[in-house]
Amino acid sequence: MAEQCTFKQFVKRILYKISGLKVLSFFICVLAVYGIVLFHKWLALSDSIALKALQVIEVLGVVLISGKAIQNIAGFFRKGGSNETEF
């Protein structure tokens, strides 16, 4: 029988998942920004191309957080709210 998850446990779990998602997408986007800066210096990319690439990285970060958040919330409800992480 699945454990019942209280509202407080649910909120803690969601906040825990979101904080992990922010860290993950932050590191991916930081690596992408460093890549753009290095390409800008080594390959002499124009400023307009570098700015467009930075805008794409911004969208990438939002998509990563949104996609993973939706996946985690769907998994939470599909599993019946099992409490894997104890606070």
Protein backbone atom coordinates (compact mmCIF):
# COMPACT_ATOMS: atom_id res chain seq x y z
CA MET A 1 0.00 0.00 0.00
CA ALA A 2 1.34 3.42 -0.95
CA GLU A 3 2.08 5.93 1.77
CA GLN A 4 -0.12 8.98 2.02
CA CYS A 5 1.66 12.24 1.31
CA THR A 6 0.58 15.25 3.34
CA PHE A 7 0.35 18.69 1.78
CA LYS A 8 3.46 19.83 3.68
CA GLN A 9 5.47 16.86 2.38
CA PHE A 10 4.17 17.55 -1.13
CA VAL A 11 5.31 21.19 -1.02
CA LYS A 12 8.73 20.21 0.36
CA ARG A 13 9.17 17.64 -2.37
CA ILE A 14 8.21 20.08 -5.13
CA LEU A 15 10.59 22.73 -3.76
CA TYR A 16 13.38 20.13 -3.55
CA LYS A 17 12.81 19.08 -7.17
CA ILE A 18 12.68 22.67 -8.45
CA SER A 19 15.90 23.64 -6.66
CA GLY A 20 17.66 20.67 -8.29
CA LEU A 21 16.31 21.65 -11.69
CA LYS A 22 17.59 25.20 -11.31
CA VAL A 23 21.07 23.93 -10.48
CA LEU A 24 21.10 21.52 -13.43
CA SER A 25 19.92 24.05 -15.99
CA PHE A 26 22.26 26.70 -14.52
CA PHE A 27 25.31 24.48 -15.11
CA ILE A 28 24.23 23.57 -18.64
CA CYS A 29 23.63 27.21 -19.54
CA VAL A 30 26.89 28.37 -17.94
CA LEU A 31 28.82 25.82 -20.00
CA ALA A 32 27.00 27.01 -23.12
CA VAL A 33 27.82 30.66 -22.36
CA TYR A 34 31.51 29.82 -21.86
CA GLY A 35 31.41 27.98 -25.17
CA ILE A 36 29.97 31.02 -26.95
CA VAL A 37 32.58 33.31 -25.38
CA LEU A 38 35.40 31.01 -26.45
CA PHE A 39 34.03 30.69 -29.98
CA HIS A 40 33.57 34.46 -30.12
CA LYS A 41 37.25 35.02 -29.26
CA TRP A 42 38.82 32.14 -31.22
CA LEU A 43 36.66 32.13 -34.35
CA ALA A 44 36.04 35.88 -34.41
CA LEU A 45 32.27 35.54 -34.50
CA SER A 46 30.42 38.77 -35.02
CA ASP A 47 28.70 40.38 -32.06
CA SER A 48 25.24 39.88 -33.57
CA ILE A 49 25.79 36.12 -33.89
CA ALA A 50 27.09 35.90 -30.32
CA LEU A 51 24.07 37.83 -29.00
CA LYS A 52 21.68 35.57 -30.92
CA ALA A 53 23.45 32.53 -29.44
CA LEU A 54 23.07 33.96 -25.93
CA GLN A 55 19.35 34.46 -26.54
CA VAL A 56 19.08 30.83 -27.62
CA ILE A 57 20.88 29.76 -24.43
CA GLU A 58 18.38 31.76 -22.37
CA VAL A 59 15.50 29.94 -24.06
CA LEU A 60 17.34 26.63 -23.56
CA GLY A 61 17.50 27.25 -19.81
CA VAL A 62 13.78 27.96 -19.59
CA VAL A 63 12.97 24.89 -21.69
CA LEU A 64 15.21 22.67 -19.53
CA ILE A 65 13.57 23.81 -16.31
CA SER A 66 10.04 23.61 -17.72
CA GLY A 67 10.47 20.22 -19.36
CA LYS A 68 12.09 18.59 -16.37
CA ALA A 69 9.55 20.14 -13.98
CA ILE A 70 6.67 18.77 -16.02
CA GLN A 71 8.35 15.37 -16.13
CA ASN A 72 8.87 15.32 -12.35
CA ILE A 73 5.32 16.43 -11.57
CA ALA A 74 3.89 13.82 -13.95
CA GLY A 75 6.09 11.16 -12.34
CA PHE A 76 4.98 12.24 -8.87
CA PHE A 77 1.31 11.82 -9.71
CA ARG A 78 1.85 8.63 -11.72
CA LYS A 79 3.64 6.95 -8.80
CA GLY A 80 0.89 7.96 -6.41
CA GLY A 81 2.99 10.48 -4.47
CA SER A 82 5.54 8.09 -3.04
CA ASN A 83 7.82 9.85 -0.61
CA GLU A 84 11.35 8.95 -1.75
CA THR A 85 13.03 11.90 -0.08
CA GLU A 86 12.60 12.25 3.65
CA PHE A 87 13.01 15.70 5.18
